[in-house]
Protein backbone atom coordinates (compact mmCIF):
# COMPACT_ATOMS: atom_id res chain seq x y z
CA UNK A 1 -27.26 -2.01 9.70
CA UNK A 2 -24.18 -3.67 8.25
CA UNK A 3 -24.29 -7.27 7.33
CA UNK A 4 -20.88 -9.11 7.12
CA UNK A 5 -20.67 -12.34 5.16
CA UNK A 6 -17.82 -14.71 6.02
CA UNK A 7 -17.39 -18.43 5.56
CA UNK A 8 -16.38 -20.11 8.79
CA UNK A 9 -15.61 -23.61 7.46
CA UNK A 10 -15.01 -25.11 10.89
CA UNK A 11 -18.30 -24.13 12.20
CA UNK A 12 -20.68 -24.72 9.26
CA UNK A 13 -20.56 -25.85 5.67
CA UNK A 14 -22.79 -22.92 4.74
CA UNK A 15 -22.06 -19.16 4.60
CA UNK A 16 -22.91 -17.43 7.92
CA UNK A 17 -24.18 -13.80 8.08
CA UNK A 18 -23.32 -11.63 11.00
CA UNK A 19 -25.26 -8.43 11.68
CA UNK A 20 -23.57 -5.52 13.23
CA UNK A 21 -25.50 -2.41 14.28
CA UNK A 22 -23.97 1.04 14.16
CA UNK A 23 -24.88 4.55 13.15
CA UNK A 24 -23.31 5.25 9.83
CA UNK A 25 -23.38 9.07 10.45
CA UNK A 26 -21.10 8.65 13.43
CA UNK A 27 -18.86 5.80 12.53
CA UNK A 28 -16.48 4.66 13.89
CA UNK A 29 -17.70 5.44 17.32
CA UNK A 30 -15.57 4.99 20.37
CA UNK A 31 -17.40 1.83 21.46
CA UNK A 32 -17.33 -0.55 18.53
CA UNK A 33 -20.05 -3.10 17.81
CA UNK A 34 -19.27 -5.72 20.39
CA UNK A 35 -20.87 -8.65 18.58
CA UNK A 36 -20.32 -11.55 20.97
CA UNK A 37 -24.06 -12.14 21.15
CA UNK A 38 -24.40 -11.73 17.32
CA UNK A 39 -21.56 -14.18 16.76
CA UNK A 40 -22.86 -17.41 18.17
CA UNK A 41 -20.29 -18.99 20.37
CA UNK A 42 -19.13 -22.36 19.19
CA UNK A 43 -20.10 -25.39 21.16
CA UNK A 44 -17.25 -27.79 20.25
CA UNK A 45 -19.12 -30.83 21.63
CA UNK A 46 -21.78 -30.42 19.00
CA UNK A 47 -19.44 -29.87 16.12
CA UNK A 48 -18.47 -33.24 14.67
CA UNK A 49 -16.44 -31.77 11.81
CA UNK A 50 -12.69 -31.20 11.68
CA UNK A 51 -12.41 -27.62 12.90
CA UNK A 52 -9.97 -24.97 13.96
CA UNK A 53 -7.35 -26.09 11.54
CA UNK A 54 -4.08 -24.03 11.73
CA UNK A 55 -0.43 -24.23 10.76
CA UNK A 56 2.64 -23.06 12.59
CA UNK A 57 6.39 -22.95 11.89
CA UNK A 58 9.16 -24.78 13.71
CA UNK A 59 12.86 -23.67 13.65
CA UNK A 60 13.36 -26.04 10.61
CA UNK A 61 12.22 -24.47 7.23
CA UNK A 62 11.42 -28.01 5.91
CA UNK A 63 8.92 -28.69 8.83
CA UNK A 64 5.53 -27.25 9.95
CA UNK A 65 3.13 -28.17 12.61
CA UNK A 66 -0.65 -28.70 11.94
CA UNK A 67 -3.34 -28.61 14.52
CA UNK A 68 -7.10 -29.23 14.41
CA UNK A 69 -9.92 -30.04 16.81
CA UNK A 70 -12.55 -32.76 16.82
CA UNK A 71 -15.29 -33.66 19.43
CA UNK A 72 -14.49 -37.34 19.22
CA UNK A 73 -11.50 -39.52 18.27
CA UNK A 74 -11.11 -42.82 16.56
CA UNK A 75 -8.23 -44.99 15.49
CA UNK A 76 -7.47 -42.92 12.33
CA UNK A 77 -6.12 -39.39 13.03
CA UNK A 78 -3.75 -38.42 10.30
CA UNK A 79 -2.65 -35.94 7.65
CA UNK A 80 -1.69 -36.88 4.13
CA UNK A 81 0.35 -34.27 2.43
CA UNK A 82 2.84 -33.59 -0.35
CA UNK A 83 3.69 -31.13 -3.21
CA UNK A 84 1.55 -33.15 -5.67
CA UNK A 85 -2.16 -32.51 -5.11
CA UNK A 86 -2.91 -35.82 -6.88
CA UNK A 87 -0.40 -37.82 -4.86
CA UNK A 88 -0.31 -36.99 -1.17
CA UNK A 89 2.49 -39.35 -0.59
CA UNK A 90 3.49 -38.42 2.92
CA UNK A 91 1.57 -39.32 6.10
CA UNK A 92 1.72 -37.57 9.58
CA UNK A 93 -0.10 -39.04 12.59
CA UNK A 94 -1.43 -36.75 15.29
CA UNK A 95 -1.07 -36.75 18.99
CA UNK A 96 -4.21 -35.37 20.80
CA UNK A 97 -4.96 -34.00 24.18
CA UNK A 98 -7.86 -32.36 26.04
CA UNK A 99 -8.03 -29.94 29.04
CA UNK A 100 -10.77 -29.10 31.50
CA UNK A 101 -11.97 -25.77 32.70
CA UNK A 102 -14.47 -24.29 35.11
CA UNK A 103 -18.24 -24.53 34.45
CA UNK A 104 -17.73 -28.24 33.37
CA UNK A 105 -16.08 -27.11 30.13
CA UNK A 106 -13.92 -29.76 28.52
CA UNK A 107 -12.09 -28.85 25.35
CA UNK A 108 -12.39 -30.84 22.12
CA UNK A 109 -9.67 -33.18 21.22
CA UNK A 110 -6.76 -30.91 20.22
CA UNK A 111 -4.63 -32.71 17.60
CA UNK A 112 -1.06 -32.00 16.64
CA UNK A 113 0.96 -33.55 13.80
CA UNK A 114 4.39 -32.58 12.49
CA UNK A 115 4.72 -32.30 8.70
CA UNK A 116 8.34 -33.38 7.66
CA UNK A 117 10.28 -33.24 4.46
CA UNK A 118 8.63 -30.08 3.09
CA UNK A 119 10.26 -28.41 0.17
CA UNK A 120 10.91 -24.65 0.95
CA UNK A 121 9.42 -22.28 -1.55
CA UNK A 122 7.01 -24.84 -3.01
CA UNK A 123 3.16 -25.16 -2.82
CA UNK A 124 2.03 -28.21 -0.88
CA UNK A 125 -1.30 -29.84 -0.19
CA UNK A 126 -2.76 -31.72 2.75
CA UNK A 127 -5.96 -33.59 3.76
CA UNK A 128 -6.89 -34.47 7.28
CA UNK A 129 -8.67 -37.74 8.28
CA UNK A 130 -10.09 -37.61 11.78
CA UNK A 131 -13.18 -38.49 13.67
CA UNK A 132 -14.42 -40.42 10.68
CA UNK A 133 -14.43 -37.23 8.50
CA UNK A 134 -12.11 -35.96 5.92
CA UNK A 135 -11.21 -32.32 5.30
CA UNK A 136 -10.99 -30.77 1.85
CA UNK A 137 -7.60 -30.95 0.15
CA UNK A 138 -5.96 -27.69 1.22
CA UNK A 139 -3.23 -25.84 -0.45
CA UNK A 140 -0.50 -23.95 1.43
CA UNK A 141 2.85 -22.38 0.53
CA UNK A 142 6.04 -23.49 2.29
CA UNK A 143 8.13 -20.29 2.68
CA UNK A 144 11.45 -20.10 1.00
CA UNK A 145 14.54 -21.39 2.98
CA UNK A 146 17.21 -19.31 4.59
CA UNK A 147 19.35 -17.20 2.07
CA UNK A 148 16.61 -17.49 -0.65
CA UNK A 149 16.17 -14.09 -2.26
CA UNK A 150 12.46 -14.71 -3.02
CA UNK A 151 10.02 -12.06 -1.65
CA UNK A 152 8.29 -12.74 1.71
CA UNK A 153 4.78 -11.43 2.48
CA UNK A 154 3.57 -11.27 6.20
CA UNK A 155 0.31 -10.26 7.79
CA UNK A 156 0.75 -8.34 11.04
CA UNK A 157 -2.12 -7.78 13.48
CA UNK A 158 -2.92 -7.78 17.21
CA UNK A 159 -5.58 -7.40 19.85
CA UNK A 160 -8.09 -9.27 17.74
CA UNK A 161 -10.83 -11.02 19.75
CA UNK A 162 -13.95 -12.69 18.40
CA UNK A 163 -16.00 -9.53 18.01
CA UNK A 164 -17.96 -8.42 14.88
CA UNK A 165 -15.15 -6.07 14.10
CA UNK A 166 -12.64 -9.03 14.38
CA UNK A 167 -14.72 -10.94 11.77
CA UNK A 168 -14.65 -7.85 9.49
CA UNK A 169 -10.80 -7.36 9.75
CA UNK A 170 -10.38 -11.17 9.09
CA UNK A 171 -12.60 -10.88 6.06
CA UNK A 172 -10.48 -7.97 4.71
CA UNK A 173 -7.35 -10.18 5.21
CA UNK A 174 -8.98 -13.04 3.31
CA UNK A 175 -9.75 -10.65 0.46
CA UNK A 176 -6.09 -9.73 0.37
CA UNK A 177 -5.20 -13.44 0.18
CA UNK A 178 -7.14 -13.49 -3.12
CA UNK A 179 -5.03 -10.66 -4.53
CA UNK A 180 -1.43 -11.72 -3.24
CA UNK A 181 0.42 -14.66 -1.89
CA UNK A 182 1.08 -14.44 1.86
CA UNK A 183 3.53 -16.72 3.79
CA UNK A 184 2.75 -16.03 7.46
CA UNK A 185 0.64 -14.26 9.99
CA UNK A 186 2.04 -12.85 13.19
CA UNK A 187 -0.26 -11.84 15.99
CA UNK A 188 1.14 -9.49 18.62
CA UNK A 189 -0.77 -10.83 21.59
CA UNK A 190 -4.26 -10.68 23.11
CA UNK A 191 -5.49 -13.12 20.61
CA UNK A 192 -9.08 -14.19 21.49
CA UNK A 193 -9.95 -11.97 24.49
CA UNK A 194 -11.64 -15.06 26.05
CA UNK A 195 -11.72 -13.18 29.28
CA UNK A 196 -14.09 -10.45 27.84
CA UNK A 197 -17.54 -10.95 26.34
CA UNK A 198 -19.18 -7.82 25.26
CA UNK A 199 -16.55 -5.72 27.07
CA UNK A 200 -17.19 -7.45 30.37
CA UNK A 201 -15.90 -10.42 32.25
CA UNK A 202 -17.84 -13.58 31.84
CA UNK A 203 -20.13 -14.40 34.67
CA UNK A 204 -17.96 -17.11 36.07
CA UNK A 205 -15.05 -14.79 36.50
CA UNK A 206 -12.96 -17.10 34.24
CA UNK A 207 -12.13 -16.98 30.55
CA UNK A 208 -14.82 -18.40 28.54
CA UNK A 209 -13.29 -21.18 26.50
CA UNK A 210 -16.05 -21.13 23.90
CA UNK A 211 -14.58 -17.75 22.79
CA UNK A 212 -11.23 -19.55 22.17
CA UNK A 213 -13.15 -22.16 20.03
CA UNK A 214 -14.96 -19.43 18.18
CA UNK A 215 -11.65 -17.43 17.57
CA UNK A 216 -10.13 -20.69 16.23
CA UNK A 217 -12.95 -21.11 13.78
CA UNK A 218 -12.77 -17.37 12.77
CA UNK A 219 -9.07 -17.51 11.91
CA UNK A 220 -9.10 -20.89 10.13
CA UNK A 221 -9.46 -19.56 6.62
CA UNK A 222 -6.17 -17.81 7.19
CA UNK A 223 -4.39 -20.16 9.54
CA UNK A 224 -4.99 -23.35 7.51
CA UNK A 225 -3.02 -21.92 4.52
CA UNK A 226 0.05 -20.27 6.26
CA UNK A 227 2.01 -20.34 9.46
CA UNK A 228 -0.03 -18.54 12.11
CA UNK A 229 2.34 -17.40 14.85
CA UNK A 230 1.43 -15.62 18.11
CA UNK A 231 3.13 -14.09 21.16
CA UNK A 232 1.47 -13.87 24.53
CA UNK A 233 -0.32 -10.70 25.55
CA UNK A 234 -1.44 -9.54 28.93
CA UNK A 235 -4.99 -11.06 28.30
CA UNK A 236 -3.26 -14.48 27.91
CA UNK A 237 -1.13 -14.02 30.99
CA UNK A 238 -2.19 -11.78 33.90
CA UNK A 239 -5.96 -11.64 34.13
CA UNK A 240 -6.40 -9.91 37.50
CA UNK A 241 -9.35 -11.84 38.91
CA UNK A 242 -8.41 -15.25 37.51
CA UNK A 243 -4.77 -15.88 38.33
CA UNK A 244 -4.89 -19.61 37.80
CA UNK A 245 -5.42 -19.18 34.03
CA UNK A 246 -1.66 -18.91 33.64
CA UNK A 247 -1.69 -19.10 29.80
CA UNK A 248 -3.22 -22.58 29.89
CA UNK A 249 -5.52 -21.88 26.83
CA UNK A 250 -2.74 -20.26 24.86
CA UNK A 251 -0.24 -23.03 25.46
CA UNK A 252 -2.65 -25.86 24.81
CA UNK A 253 -4.17 -24.48 21.73
CA UNK A 254 -1.02 -23.30 19.86
CA UNK A 255 2.24 -24.90 19.08
CA UNK A 256 5.10 -22.66 18.61
CA UNK A 257 8.96 -23.30 18.84
CA UNK A 258 10.84 -23.36 22.09
CA UNK A 259 8.68 -22.55 25.11
CA UNK A 260 5.94 -20.90 23.00
CA UNK A 261 6.57 -17.43 24.62
CA UNK A 262 9.85 -16.34 23.29
CA UNK A 263 11.25 -18.24 20.38
CA UNK A 264 12.51 -17.67 16.80
CA UNK A 265 11.93 -19.04 13.28
CA UNK A 266 13.33 -18.49 9.86
CA UNK A 267 11.13 -17.15 7.04
CA UNK A 268 13.15 -16.97 3.89
CA UNK A 269 15.42 -13.89 4.02
CA UNK A 270 13.64 -12.80 7.25
CA UNK A 271 14.39 -14.08 10.75
CA UNK A 272 11.45 -13.52 13.19
CA UNK A 273 11.68 -13.54 16.94
CA UNK A 274 8.84 -13.55 19.46
CA UNK A 275 9.46 -11.64 22.73
CA UNK A 276 7.29 -11.94 25.80
CA UNK A 277 6.81 -8.48 27.23
CA UNK A 278 5.25 -9.76 30.49
CA UNK A 279 8.58 -11.33 31.39
CA UNK A 280 11.88 -9.74 32.36
CA UNK A 281 14.45 -9.20 29.67
CA UNK A 282 17.47 -7.98 31.67
CA UNK A 283 20.75 -9.75 31.32
CA UNK A 284 20.19 -11.86 34.42
CA UNK A 285 16.82 -13.13 33.22
CA UNK A 286 16.28 -16.35 31.35
CA UNK A 287 14.52 -14.58 28.51
CA UNK A 288 17.28 -11.90 28.44
CA UNK A 289 20.07 -14.51 28.15
CA UNK A 290 18.17 -16.36 25.50
CA UNK A 291 17.33 -13.28 23.52
CA UNK A 292 20.91 -12.06 23.42
CA UNK A 293 22.13 -15.52 22.30
CA UNK A 294 19.65 -15.83 19.49
CA UNK A 295 20.13 -12.23 18.35
CA UNK A 296 23.96 -12.77 18.21
CA UNK A 297 23.55 -15.92 16.08
CA UNK A 298 21.05 -14.34 13.67
CA UNK A 299 23.24 -11.21 13.36
CA UNK A 300 26.33 -13.23 12.52
CA UNK A 301 24.33 -14.93 9.77
CA UNK A 302 22.74 -11.87 8.11
CA UNK A 303 23.81 -13.36 4.75
CA UNK A 304 21.01 -15.84 5.27
CA UNK A 305 18.61 -13.43 7.01
CA UNK A 306 19.44 -9.78 6.13
CA UNK A 307 16.05 -8.77 7.78
CA UNK A 308 15.77 -9.27 11.54
CA UNK A 309 12.26 -8.71 13.02
CA UNK A 310 10.96 -8.83 16.50
CA UNK A 311 7.33 -9.09 17.36
CA UNK A 312 5.84 -8.66 20.92
CA UNK A 313 2.71 -7.27 22.71
CA UNK A 314 3.63 -4.07 24.58
CA UNK A 315 5.45 -1.26 22.70
CA UNK A 316 8.39 0.67 24.07
CA UNK A 317 7.44 3.68 21.84
CA UNK A 318 3.80 4.77 22.03
CA UNK A 319 2.11 8.09 21.54
CA UNK A 320 -1.47 7.07 22.57
CA UNK A 321 -2.36 8.40 25.92
CA UNK A 322 -3.90 4.99 26.97
CA UNK A 323 -0.95 2.92 27.95
CA UNK A 324 2.46 4.49 27.99
CA UNK A 325 5.85 3.35 26.76
CA UNK A 326 6.34 -0.05 28.34
CA UNK A 327 8.65 0.12 31.33
CA UNK A 328 7.97 -3.26 32.87
CA UNK A 329 5.83 -1.76 35.61
CA UNK A 330 2.04 -2.55 35.31
CA UNK A 331 -0.02 0.41 36.52
CA UNK A 332 -2.99 -1.80 37.21
CA UNK A 333 -4.08 -1.53 40.87
CA UNK A 334 -5.85 -4.50 42.43
CA UNK A 335 -5.74 -5.45 46.14
CA UNK A 336 -5.89 -9.16 45.38
CA UNK A 337 -3.39 -9.19 42.55
CA UNK A 338 0.33 -8.62 42.66
CA UNK A 339 2.06 -7.47 39.58
CA UNK A 340 5.87 -7.91 39.93
CA UNK A 341 7.96 -5.51 37.90
CA UNK A 342 9.49 -6.95 34.73
CA UNK A 343 13.09 -5.99 34.67
CA UNK A 344 14.98 -4.78 31.61
CA UNK A 345 12.28 -2.76 29.92
CA UNK A 346 12.96 -0.63 27.95
CA UNK A 347 16.60 0.02 28.54
CA UNK A 348 18.19 -3.38 28.37
CA UNK A 349 15.94 -4.40 25.74
CA UNK A 350 16.64 -1.39 23.47
CA UNK A 351 20.43 -1.97 23.99
CA UNK A 352 20.02 -5.42 22.36
CA UNK A 353 17.96 -3.91 19.52
CA UNK A 354 20.83 -1.53 18.71
CA UNK A 355 23.65 -3.89 19.37
CA UNK A 356 22.27 -6.54 16.99
CA UNK A 357 20.85 -4.15 14.39
CA UNK A 358 17.18 -5.20 14.64
CA UNK A 359 15.32 -3.78 11.64
CA UNK A 360 11.66 -3.79 12.81
CA UNK A 361 9.72 -4.12 16.08
CA UNK A 362 6.07 -5.18 15.73
CA UNK A 363 3.67 -4.46 18.52
CA UNK A 364 0.07 -4.64 19.77
CA UNK A 365 -1.50 -3.88 23.13
CA UNK A 366 -2.38 -0.24 22.29
CA UNK A 367 -5.61 -0.36 20.37
CA UNK A 368 -4.71 1.91 17.43
CA UNK A 369 -2.23 1.96 14.53
CA UNK A 370 1.18 3.67 14.81
CA UNK A 371 4.25 3.76 12.65
CA UNK A 372 7.40 5.34 13.91
CA UNK A 373 10.52 6.71 12.12
CA UNK A 374 13.79 4.95 12.97
CA UNK A 375 14.32 5.89 16.64
CA UNK A 376 16.63 5.02 19.53
CA UNK A 377 17.28 6.26 23.03
CA UNK A 378 13.90 8.01 23.22
CA UNK A 379 14.83 11.07 21.08
CA UNK A 380 17.47 10.23 18.54
CA UNK A 381 15.79 9.76 15.16
CA UNK A 382 15.62 10.66 11.45
CA UNK A 383 12.54 11.52 9.51
CA UNK A 384 13.42 9.14 6.68
CA UNK A 385 13.18 5.46 5.75
CA UNK A 386 16.35 5.43 3.60
CA UNK A 387 19.04 7.09 5.64
CA UNK A 388 22.09 4.85 5.40
CA UNK A 389 24.12 6.61 8.15
CA UNK A 390 21.50 6.25 10.85
CA UNK A 391 20.69 2.69 12.20
CA UNK A 392 17.81 2.24 14.59
CA UNK A 393 14.69 0.05 14.56
CA UNK A 394 11.35 1.11 13.22
CA UNK A 395 8.45 0.31 15.52
CA UNK A 396 5.00 -0.57 14.17
CA UNK A 397 1.94 -0.99 16.44
CA UNK A 398 -0.97 -2.84 14.82
CA UNK A 399 -3.25 -3.08 17.78
CA UNK A 400 -6.50 -2.43 15.97
CA UNK A 401 -7.31 -5.91 14.92
CA UNK A 402 -10.89 -6.00 16.42
CA UNK A 403 -10.93 -4.98 20.13
CA UNK A 404 -12.30 -1.51 21.08
CA UNK A 405 -10.23 1.33 19.85
CA UNK A 406 -8.44 3.76 22.01
CA UNK A 407 -9.95 6.92 20.71
CA UNK A 408 -10.73 8.60 24.07
CA UNK A 409 -8.64 8.85 27.22
CA UNK A 410 -9.92 6.40 29.89
CA UNK A 411 -12.27 7.86 32.60
CA UNK A 412 -12.95 11.01 30.59
CA UNK A 413 -16.44 9.98 29.39
CA UNK A 414 -15.33 10.06 25.80
CA UNK A 415 -14.42 13.75 25.96
CA UNK A 416 -10.73 13.77 25.61
CA UNK A 417 -9.02 12.27 22.53
CA UNK A 418 -6.02 10.13 23.07
CA UNK A 419 -4.29 12.21 20.47
CA UNK A 420 -5.08 15.54 22.14
CA UNK A 421 -1.42 16.15 23.05
CA UNK A 422 1.01 17.20 20.31
CA UNK A 423 2.24 14.34 18.27
CA UNK A 424 5.75 13.16 19.30
CA UNK A 425 8.44 13.72 16.68
CA UNK A 426 9.10 10.07 16.39
CA UNK A 427 5.57 9.32 14.99
CA UNK A 428 5.26 9.12 11.26
CA UNK A 429 1.66 7.99 11.11
CA UNK A 430 -1.09 6.95 13.57
CA UNK A 431 -4.87 6.22 13.57
CA UNK A 432 -7.27 5.69 16.48
CA UNK A 433 -10.50 5.75 14.59
CA UNK A 434 -10.30 2.64 12.33
CA UNK A 435 -9.83 -1.07 12.70
CA UNK A 436 -7.50 -2.87 10.32
CA UNK A 437 -4.38 -4.97 9.70
CA UNK A 438 -0.91 -4.39 8.66
CA UNK A 439 1.29 -6.10 6.02
CA UNK A 440 5.09 -6.35 5.41
CA UNK A 441 6.33 -7.41 1.96
CA UNK A 442 10.07 -7.99 2.04
CA UNK A 443 10.96 -7.38 -1.64
CA UNK A 444 14.67 -8.06 -1.40
CA UNK A 445 17.58 -8.04 1.08
CA UNK A 446 17.33 -4.17 1.37
CA UNK A 447 13.75 -3.11 0.76
CA UNK A 448 10.53 -3.82 2.60
CA UNK A 449 7.10 -2.41 1.96
CA UNK A 450 4.84 -1.65 4.85
CA UNK A 451 1.10 -1.23 4.32
CA UNK A 452 -1.86 -0.74 6.54
CA UNK A 453 -5.34 -1.56 5.44
CA UNK A 454 -8.47 -0.23 7.15
CA UNK A 455 -11.24 -2.82 7.80
CA UNK A 456 -13.30 -3.23 4.64
CA UNK A 457 -11.14 -1.25 2.32
CA UNK A 458 -9.30 -2.65 -0.74
CA UNK A 459 -6.56 -0.01 -0.95
CA UNK A 460 -3.91 0.65 1.74
CA UNK A 461 -4.29 3.74 3.87
CA UNK A 462 -0.59 3.62 4.58
CA UNK A 463 2.00 2.49 1.96
CA UNK A 464 5.62 3.05 2.89
CA UNK A 465 8.82 1.73 1.30
CA UNK A 466 11.62 1.15 3.80
CA UNK A 467 15.19 0.80 2.61
CA UNK A 468 17.85 -0.71 4.89
CA UNK A 469 21.33 -1.49 3.56
CA UNK A 470 22.46 -4.77 4.96
CA UNK A 471 26.21 -5.39 4.64
CA UNK A 472 27.21 -8.85 3.39
CA UNK A 473 29.29 -10.77 6.04
CA UNK A 474 32.57 -12.30 4.91
CA UNK A 475 31.75 -15.70 6.44
CA UNK A 476 28.93 -17.47 8.26
CA UNK A 477 28.79 -17.74 11.96
CA UNK A 478 30.74 -20.50 13.65
CA UNK A 479 29.72 -19.63 17.19
CA UNK A 480 26.35 -21.22 17.22
CA UNK A 481 25.44 -23.73 14.57
CA UNK A 482 22.16 -23.99 12.70
CA UNK A 483 22.49 -27.69 13.18
CA UNK A 484 22.42 -27.28 16.98
CA UNK A 485 19.22 -25.23 16.78
CA UNK A 486 17.56 -27.93 14.68
CA UNK A 487 18.71 -30.61 17.16
CA UNK A 488 17.08 -28.58 20.04
CA UNK A 489 13.79 -28.37 17.99
CA UNK A 490 13.84 -31.96 17.16
CA UNK A 491 14.26 -32.93 20.84
CA UNK A 492 11.19 -30.87 21.74
CA UNK A 493 8.86 -31.63 18.76
CA UNK A 494 6.88 -34.28 20.60
CA UNK A 495 6.37 -32.12 23.68
CA UNK A 496 3.36 -29.93 24.37
CA UNK A 497 4.65 -26.48 24.92
């Protein structure tokens, strides 16, 4: 019996204990401790506290969104904030909304406010007043601005859920926050698994919205202190027996730039782009045209952002036998569900990666950990992270954030390991036996440190230094102005996306 202690501030003012049963002599097993029953699902109607607090970035480095949930509203719903803890001299007022669901579920009041006039690279503080309650005064770090050479530290995870293992991975990340300063978290899809409770579909056949509430409470200790950025996974989009979900929960509960599916944001000397792998990316598609325009702009401004990072759900390079390399064709067979092919994967997509010198591609979907060498066109690669004459992205899959691991091939009754075939040459490291999370510490314009931490461990299992020489452009881009991007963001900032 393993007891995990974790403070979920949005659920209770006390420390909650979650008990997870497993056999220590045979751990980790293929089927992890699905603890939906052990983690009491949150009933937002009975929680009168300010809960599910989270921050997110806009395209402007001096702005951030803040969201929270209450079960009632009154005339005061605001955030006071500023760089001086003793003088929170700025005020942002929230807009709020609700949405309904099956089984008479009605969400809490989901609040959103925009924090303006933030100073990049400086610690700030905020306090929320809502529903006749006040939050604690909470500290967060505004990341450095474009062109700033200060280091940037990012959490990277995916396929998280609200299972016992999800809580344990989150606790490991919280422990890391006590050791180092982090600026952002990126989640590569399949955030809450609200469509799965104890590895089965909820009785109603629809996603259980209480799981979204529970997930929001679980991530709050991280999300309230840094930008928490997601990208849609297949469990947010194409649930086979529930086609009307259509990303409703994802879009209502999170606020990201642009359309919330594919978008970009600056993070100091790093530019980060979310890509939706369940949409086409060929040159004739809306996402494909948008992506090339944004990549071209960033690439022409590599003085500001020497590092260019994409994060998405499905990987185009994968060695685990469960799921293949993403080709845009979903192999799921269902007589009542049509999966149209998503064009442009992987060929057109990889052409853009190479054309615009993308450094890293972060993935989820496959429930394991995998790190590749720099690779392109399926088999062109080098077994080095400091080869200056070979330019190709490094792909990192961090899909072991809490959901069951892909240790055995499906339909083999746990007899065939997903790594039973010879390891492809492009794979530098992989692990299908441990849950965990990944980190990226961008030390300077040419060096990033990648680390992978197993759940519950204080030292990294994987610790790799990656060197990428980024040439200095002679002049900044004039083809697409930063000002234009900010104007577009401002025009959308009061819209729910």
